[in-house]
Amino acid sequence: MESLNTIHHRHFRIFMGLYTLAFFLIGIAATSYRYLQWLTHWGVTLTLTYFMLKIANKHHQANLIFQIVLPIEATLTFTYWSFVFPSYTLEQRPPLIYNISVHILQFLFLMFDFSYNKIQFKRQNLLYPIVLMLLYGLLNFVVTMIDEPIYPTLTFTDIKSLLFMIFACVMLVCAFEVCILISKSKGKAEDNDKAAKL
């Protein structure tokens, strides 16, 4: 029989899956074929994928997606509010409710899930979020060169763009390392709890 805690966690994941699905659909409706131009939407799509896989009890696949999406969301949240948001004019800014939902709440909900799940971040899986960020960087470069910059802070024409990309990569690696430390400390806490019960 499932514990009450497990049932609540499952209900939370269902709620988060539906919540993320709503913002996924809003993003598609608002941007159409340009949806994946924004790294934020890659994060929404990965978050939706994670919660749907967890709901479907596809734990192995979900755990790998989680090791990709959480560090990317941490990087997105920090870089968006620190660099991208201040560079937008009032007319360029998305609606506040959308901004908060995809640039704060999504990360917080993933962190809440991380506090309950038993996912162990493994250093060899750092390659996945790095490859994803490189693929996004390539897409961003192509769109910027043939159309216009997606983000005002990433034009590929000045030293600030290079520094921004380096900072985002360093932030991603640091976020992944913090996730490793957190998952190790959760494992040690569980071991201590088991030992205390002996």
C-alpha atoms as a PDB file:
ATOM      1  CA  MET A   1       0.000   0.000   0.000  1.00  0.00           C
ATOM      2  CA  GLU A   2       1.274   3.463  -0.897  1.00  0.00           C
ATOM      3  CA  SER A   3       2.087   5.809   1.955  1.00  0.00           C
ATOM      4  CA  LEU A   4       0.165   9.061   2.286  1.00  0.00           C
ATOM      5  CA  ASN A   5       3.375  10.936   1.487  1.00  0.00           C
ATOM      6  CA  THR A   6       3.799   8.979  -1.774  1.00  0.00           C
ATOM      7  CA  ILE A   7       0.189   9.654  -2.755  1.00  0.00           C
ATOM      8  CA  HIS A   8       0.598  13.389  -2.095  1.00  0.00           C
ATOM      9  CA  HIS A   9       3.814  13.441  -4.104  1.00  0.00           C
ATOM     10  CA  ARG A  10       2.050  11.688  -7.008  1.00  0.00           C
ATOM     11  CA  HIS A  11      -0.789  14.242  -6.863  1.00  0.00           C
ATOM     12  CA  PHE A  12       1.793  17.039  -6.840  1.00  0.00           C
ATOM     13  CA  ARG A  13       3.404  15.580  -9.977  1.00  0.00           C
ATOM     14  CA  ILE A  14       0.035  15.314 -11.711  1.00  0.00           C
ATOM     15  CA  PHE A  15      -0.710  18.946 -10.812  1.00  0.00           C
ATOM     16  CA  MET A  16       2.735  20.033 -12.027  1.00  0.00           C
ATOM     17  CA  GLY A  17       2.360  18.046 -15.234  1.00  0.00           C
ATOM     18  CA  LEU A  18      -0.954  19.768 -15.973  1.00  0.00           C
ATOM     19  CA  TYR A  19       0.391  23.179 -14.909  1.00  0.00           C
ATOM     20  CA  THR A  20       3.436  22.814 -17.164  1.00  0.00           C
ATOM     21  CA  LEU A  21       1.257  21.503 -20.002  1.00  0.00           C
ATOM     22  CA  ALA A  22      -0.838  24.685 -19.754  1.00  0.00           C
ATOM     23  CA  PHE A  23       2.244  26.907 -20.121  1.00  0.00           C
ATOM     24  CA  PHE A  24       3.593  24.662 -22.885  1.00  0.00           C
ATOM     25  CA  LEU A  25       0.341  25.173 -24.830  1.00  0.00           C
ATOM     26  CA  ILE A  26       0.304  28.925 -24.091  1.00  0.00           C
ATOM     27  CA  GLY A  27       3.880  29.153 -25.385  1.00  0.00           C
ATOM     28  CA  ILE A  28       3.019  27.231 -28.563  1.00  0.00           C
ATOM     29  CA  ALA A  29      -0.069  29.403 -29.151  1.00  0.00           C
ATOM     30  CA  ALA A  30       1.905  32.616 -28.619  1.00  0.00           C
ATOM     31  CA  THR A  31       4.994  31.734 -30.660  1.00  0.00           C
ATOM     32  CA  SER A  32       3.865  29.047 -33.135  1.00  0.00           C
ATOM     33  CA  TYR A  33       6.745  27.504 -35.097  1.00  0.00           C
ATOM     34  CA  ARG A  34       9.261  29.753 -33.288  1.00  0.00           C
ATOM     35  CA  TYR A  35       8.533  28.066 -29.932  1.00  0.00           C
ATOM     36  CA  LEU A  36      11.927  26.402 -29.530  1.00  0.00           C
ATOM     37  CA  GLN A  37      13.835  29.625 -30.289  1.00  0.00           C
ATOM     38  CA  TRP A  38      13.824  30.380 -26.571  1.00  0.00           C
ATOM     39  CA  LEU A  39      15.795  28.264 -24.121  1.00  0.00           C
ATOM     40  CA  THR A  40      12.975  28.883 -21.652  1.00  0.00           C
ATOM     41  CA  HIS A  41      10.684  26.799 -23.855  1.00  0.00           C
ATOM     42  CA  TRP A  42      13.246  23.997 -23.986  1.00  0.00           C
ATOM     43  CA  GLY A  43      13.070  24.050 -20.178  1.00  0.00           C
ATOM     44  CA  VAL A  44       9.256  23.979 -20.201  1.00  0.00           C
ATOM     45  CA  THR A  45       9.281  21.068 -22.663  1.00  0.00           C
ATOM     46  CA  LEU A  46      11.822  19.096 -20.609  1.00  0.00           C
ATOM     47  CA  THR A  47       9.949  19.800 -17.369  1.00  0.00           C
ATOM     48  CA  LEU A  48       6.702  18.617 -18.946  1.00  0.00           C
ATOM     49  CA  THR A  49       8.481  15.500 -20.230  1.00  0.00           C
ATOM     50  CA  TYR A  50       9.887  14.777 -16.758  1.00  0.00           C
ATOM     51  CA  PHE A  51       6.538  15.039 -14.977  1.00  0.00           C
ATOM     52  CA  MET A  52       4.719  13.009 -17.655  1.00  0.00           C
ATOM     53  CA  LEU A  53       7.340  10.243 -17.466  1.00  0.00           C
ATOM     54  CA  LYS A  54       7.134  10.181 -13.659  1.00  0.00           C
ATOM     55  CA  ILE A  55       3.330  10.006 -13.772  1.00  0.00           C
ATOM     56  CA  ALA A  56       3.629   7.102 -16.252  1.00  0.00           C
ATOM     57  CA  ASN A  57       6.114   5.357 -13.883  1.00  0.00           C
ATOM     58  CA  LYS A  58       8.921   5.527 -16.467  1.00  0.00           C
ATOM     59  CA  HIS A  59      11.437   6.233 -13.721  1.00  0.00           C
ATOM     60  CA  HIS A  60      14.694   5.477 -15.540  1.00  0.00           C
ATOM     61  CA  GLN A  61      13.930   7.878 -18.406  1.00  0.00           C
ATOM     62  CA  ALA A  62      12.459  10.475 -16.024  1.00  0.00           C
ATOM     63  CA  ASN A  63      15.535  10.374 -13.792  1.00  0.00           C
ATOM     64  CA  LEU A  64      17.824  11.081 -16.739  1.00  0.00           C
ATOM     65  CA  ILE A  65      15.599  13.952 -17.945  1.00  0.00           C
ATOM     66  CA  PHE A  66      15.604  15.346 -14.391  1.00  0.00           C
ATOM     67  CA  GLN A  67      19.420  15.424 -14.383  1.00  0.00           C
ATOM     68  CA  ILE A  68      19.219  17.518 -17.541  1.00  0.00           C
ATOM     69  CA  VAL A  69      16.343  19.842 -16.711  1.00  0.00           C
ATOM     70  CA  LEU A  70      17.113  20.840 -13.102  1.00  0.00           C
ATOM     71  CA  PRO A  71      20.579  22.340 -13.782  1.00  0.00           C
ATOM     72  CA  ILE A  72      19.277  23.950 -16.976  1.00  0.00           C
ATOM     73  CA  GLU A  73      16.346  25.479 -15.073  1.00  0.00           C
ATOM     74  CA  ALA A  74      18.701  26.738 -12.349  1.00  0.00           C
ATOM     75  CA  THR A  75      20.869  28.359 -15.033  1.00  0.00           C
ATOM     76  CA  LEU A  76      17.834  29.756 -16.859  1.00  0.00           C
ATOM     77  CA  THR A  77      16.286  31.240 -13.735  1.00  0.00           C
ATOM     78  CA  PHE A  78      19.471  32.962 -12.601  1.00  0.00           C
ATOM     79  CA  THR A  79      20.613  34.235 -16.001  1.00  0.00           C
ATOM     80  CA  TYR A  80      17.135  35.359 -17.045  1.00  0.00           C
ATOM     81  CA  TRP A  81      16.499  37.559 -14.002  1.00  0.00           C
ATOM     82  CA  SER A  82      20.118  38.759 -13.748  1.00  0.00           C
ATOM     83  CA  PHE A  83      20.876  39.539 -17.398  1.00  0.00           C
ATOM     84  CA  VAL A  84      18.037  39.004 -19.864  1.00  0.00           C
ATOM     85  CA  PHE A  85      15.058  40.552 -18.062  1.00  0.00           C
ATOM     86  CA  PRO A  86      16.874  43.848 -17.290  1.00  0.00           C
ATOM     87  CA  SER A  87      17.921  44.138 -20.955  1.00  0.00           C
ATOM     88  CA  TYR A  88      14.326  44.000 -22.255  1.00  0.00           C
ATOM     89  CA  THR A  89      12.316  47.136 -22.867  1.00  0.00           C
ATOM     90  CA  LEU A  90       8.848  47.197 -21.302  1.00  0.00           C
ATOM     91  CA  GLU A  91       7.328  46.268 -24.672  1.00  0.00           C
ATOM     92  CA  GLN A  92       9.636  43.251 -25.071  1.00  0.00           C
ATOM     93  CA  ARG A  93       8.835  41.700 -21.706  1.00  0.00           C
ATOM     94  CA  PRO A  94       6.443  38.757 -21.608  1.00  0.00           C
ATOM     95  CA  PRO A  95       3.401  39.096 -19.310  1.00  0.00           C
ATOM     96  CA  LEU A  96       4.417  38.971 -15.639  1.00  0.00           C
ATOM     97  CA  ILE A  97       2.343  35.859 -14.813  1.00  0.00           C
ATOM     98  CA  TYR A  98       4.011  33.978 -17.669  1.00  0.00           C
ATOM     99  CA  ASN A  99       7.450  35.265 -16.665  1.00  0.00           C
ATOM    100  CA  ILE A 100       7.045  34.173 -13.050  1.00  0.00           C
ATOM    101  CA  SER A 101       5.598  30.802 -14.050  1.00  0.00           C
ATOM    102  CA  VAL A 102       8.353  29.815 -16.482  1.00  0.00           C
ATOM    103  CA  HIS A 103      11.300  31.657 -14.920  1.00  0.00           C
ATOM    104  CA  ILE A 104      10.713  31.067 -11.193  1.00  0.00           C
ATOM    105  CA  LEU A 105       7.903  28.645 -10.322  1.00  0.00           C
ATOM    106  CA  GLN A 106       8.997  25.923 -12.689  1.00  0.00           C
ATOM    107  CA  PHE A 107      12.456  25.856 -11.071  1.00  0.00           C
ATOM    108  CA  LEU A 108      10.963  25.956  -7.559  1.00  0.00           C
ATOM    109  CA  PHE A 109       8.588  23.087  -8.344  1.00  0.00           C
ATOM    110  CA  LEU A 110      11.488  21.013  -9.670  1.00  0.00           C
ATOM    111  CA  MET A 111      13.454  21.791  -6.495  1.00  0.00           C
ATOM    112  CA  PHE A 112      10.453  20.751  -4.392  1.00  0.00           C
ATOM    113  CA  ASP A 113      10.275  17.492  -6.335  1.00  0.00           C
ATOM    114  CA  PHE A 114      14.027  17.033  -5.826  1.00  0.00           C
ATOM    115  CA  SER A 115      13.545  17.333  -2.078  1.00  0.00           C
ATOM    116  CA  TYR A 116      11.301  14.239  -2.189  1.00  0.00           C
ATOM    117  CA  ASN A 117      12.716  12.109  -4.991  1.00  0.00           C
ATOM    118  CA  LYS A 118      15.668   9.759  -4.694  1.00  0.00           C
ATOM    119  CA  ILE A 119      17.369  10.738  -7.942  1.00  0.00           C
ATOM    120  CA  GLN A 120      21.134  10.520  -7.654  1.00  0.00           C
ATOM    121  CA  PHE A 121      22.952  12.967  -9.913  1.00  0.00           C
ATOM    122  CA  LYS A 122      25.923  11.292 -11.569  1.00  0.00           C
ATOM    123  CA  ARG A 123      28.842  13.306 -12.909  1.00  0.00           C
ATOM    124  CA  GLN A 124      28.962  11.285 -16.148  1.00  0.00           C
ATOM    125  CA  ASN A 125      25.453  12.612 -16.916  1.00  0.00           C
ATOM    126  CA  LEU A 126      26.725  16.212 -16.950  1.00  0.00           C
ATOM    127  CA  LEU A 127      27.452  15.627 -20.631  1.00  0.00           C
ATOM    128  CA  TYR A 128      23.706  15.629 -21.440  1.00  0.00           C
ATOM    129  CA  PRO A 129      22.853  19.164 -20.268  1.00  0.00           C
ATOM    130  CA  ILE A 130      26.099  20.456 -21.793  1.00  0.00           C
ATOM    131  CA  VAL A 131      25.250  18.927 -25.191  1.00  0.00           C
ATOM    132  CA  LEU A 132      21.724  20.312 -24.948  1.00  0.00           C
ATOM    133  CA  MET A 133      23.071  23.807 -24.179  1.00  0.00           C
ATOM    134  CA  LEU A 134      25.508  23.558 -27.109  1.00  0.00           C
ATOM    135  CA  LEU A 135      22.670  22.524 -29.432  1.00  0.00           C
ATOM    136  CA  TYR A 136      20.621  25.450 -28.188  1.00  0.00           C
ATOM    137  CA  GLY A 137      23.602  27.778 -28.681  1.00  0.00           C
ATOM    138  CA  LEU A 138      23.892  26.590 -32.287  1.00  0.00           C
ATOM    139  CA  LEU A 139      20.171  27.154 -32.898  1.00  0.00           C
ATOM    140  CA  ASN A 140      20.370  30.596 -31.281  1.00  0.00           C
ATOM    141  CA  PHE A 141      23.369  31.495 -33.442  1.00  0.00           C
ATOM    142  CA  VAL A 142      21.617  30.435 -36.667  1.00  0.00           C
ATOM    143  CA  VAL A 143      18.397  32.305 -35.828  1.00  0.00           C
ATOM    144  CA  THR A 144      20.351  35.404 -34.769  1.00  0.00           C
ATOM    145  CA  MET A 145      22.404  35.417 -37.984  1.00  0.00           C
ATOM    146  CA  ILE A 146      19.490  34.903 -40.394  1.00  0.00           C
ATOM    147  CA  ASP A 147      16.807  36.853 -38.530  1.00  0.00           C
ATOM    148  CA  GLU A 148      17.435  38.850 -35.348  1.00  0.00           C
ATOM    149  CA  PRO A 149      18.835  38.226 -31.862  1.00  0.00           C
ATOM    150  CA  ILE A 150      16.535  36.120 -29.696  1.00  0.00           C
ATOM    151  CA  TYR A 151      17.918  37.714 -26.544  1.00  0.00           C
ATOM    152  CA  PRO A 152      19.290  41.281 -26.397  1.00  0.00           C
ATOM    153  CA  THR A 153      22.227  39.973 -24.336  1.00  0.00           C
ATOM    154  CA  LEU A 154      23.233  37.373 -26.935  1.00  0.00           C
ATOM    155  CA  THR A 155      23.981  38.995 -30.293  1.00  0.00           C
ATOM    156  CA  PHE A 156      27.202  37.104 -31.187  1.00  0.00           C
ATOM    157  CA  THR A 157      28.735  40.441 -32.214  1.00  0.00           C
ATOM    158  CA  ASP A 158      30.538  41.593 -29.079  1.00  0.00           C
ATOM    159  CA  ILE A 159      32.584  40.468 -26.102  1.00  0.00           C
ATOM    160  CA  LYS A 160      29.496  40.669 -23.849  1.00  0.00           C
ATOM    161  CA  SER A 161      27.885  37.834 -25.800  1.00  0.00           C
ATOM    162  CA  LEU A 162      30.959  35.659 -25.369  1.00  0.00           C
ATOM    163  CA  LEU A 163      31.149  36.435 -21.651  1.00  0.00           C
ATOM    164  CA  PHE A 164      27.426  35.690 -21.282  1.00  0.00           C
ATOM    165  CA  MET A 165      27.837  32.281 -22.959  1.00  0.00           C
ATOM    166  CA  ILE A 166      30.864  31.422 -20.819  1.00  0.00           C
ATOM    167  CA  PHE A 167      29.017  32.499 -17.680  1.00  0.00           C
ATOM    168  CA  ALA A 168      25.959  30.395 -18.609  1.00  0.00           C
ATOM    169  CA  CYS A 169      28.146  27.315 -19.180  1.00  0.00           C
ATOM    170  CA  VAL A 170      29.985  27.787 -15.881  1.00  0.00           C
ATOM    171  CA  MET A 171      26.640  28.321 -14.129  1.00  0.00           C
ATOM    172  CA  LEU A 172      25.296  25.082 -15.660  1.00  0.00           C
ATOM    173  CA  VAL A 173      28.294  23.061 -14.441  1.00  0.00           C
ATOM    174  CA  CYS A 174      28.061  24.651 -10.969  1.00  0.00           C
ATOM    175  CA  ALA A 175      24.324  23.921 -10.783  1.00  0.00           C
ATOM    176  CA  PHE A 176      24.969  20.289 -11.726  1.00  0.00           C
ATOM    177  CA  GLU A 177      27.706  20.007  -9.081  1.00  0.00           C
ATOM    178  CA  VAL A 178      25.355  21.435  -6.435  1.00  0.00           C
ATOM    179  CA  CYS A 179      22.760  18.829  -7.465  1.00  0.00           C
ATOM    180  CA  ILE A 180      25.399  16.102  -7.011  1.00  0.00           C
ATOM    181  CA  LEU A 181      26.167  17.391  -3.512  1.00  0.00           C
ATOM    182  CA  ILE A 182      22.481  17.575  -2.594  1.00  0.00           C
ATOM    183  CA  SER A 183      21.752  14.064  -3.871  1.00  0.00           C
ATOM    184  CA  LYS A 184      24.792  12.686  -1.997  1.00  0.00           C
ATOM    185  CA  SER A 185      23.736  14.405   1.224  1.00  0.00           C
ATOM    186  CA  LYS A 186      20.197  13.005   0.844  1.00  0.00           C
ATOM    187  CA  GLY A 187      21.689   9.524   0.422  1.00  0.00           C
ATOM    188  CA  LYS A 188      23.814   9.940   3.557  1.00  0.00           C
ATOM    189  CA  ALA A 189      20.821  11.201   5.536  1.00  0.00           C
ATOM    190  CA  GLU A 190      18.836   8.103   4.492  1.00  0.00           C
ATOM    191  CA  ASP A 191      21.744   5.848   5.497  1.00  0.00           C
ATOM    192  CA  ASN A 192      21.930   7.584   8.895  1.00  0.00           C
ATOM    193  CA  ASP A 193      18.161   7.158   9.370  1.00  0.00           C
ATOM    194  CA  LYS A 194      18.430   3.435   8.578  1.00  0.00           C
ATOM    195  CA  ALA A 195      21.395   3.031  10.942  1.00  0.00           C
ATOM    196  CA  ALA A 196      19.517   4.838  13.722  1.00  0.00           C
ATOM    197  CA  LYS A 197      16.626   2.371  13.386  1.00  0.00           C
ATOM    198  CA  LEU A 198      18.884  -0.696  13.827  1.00  0.00           C
END
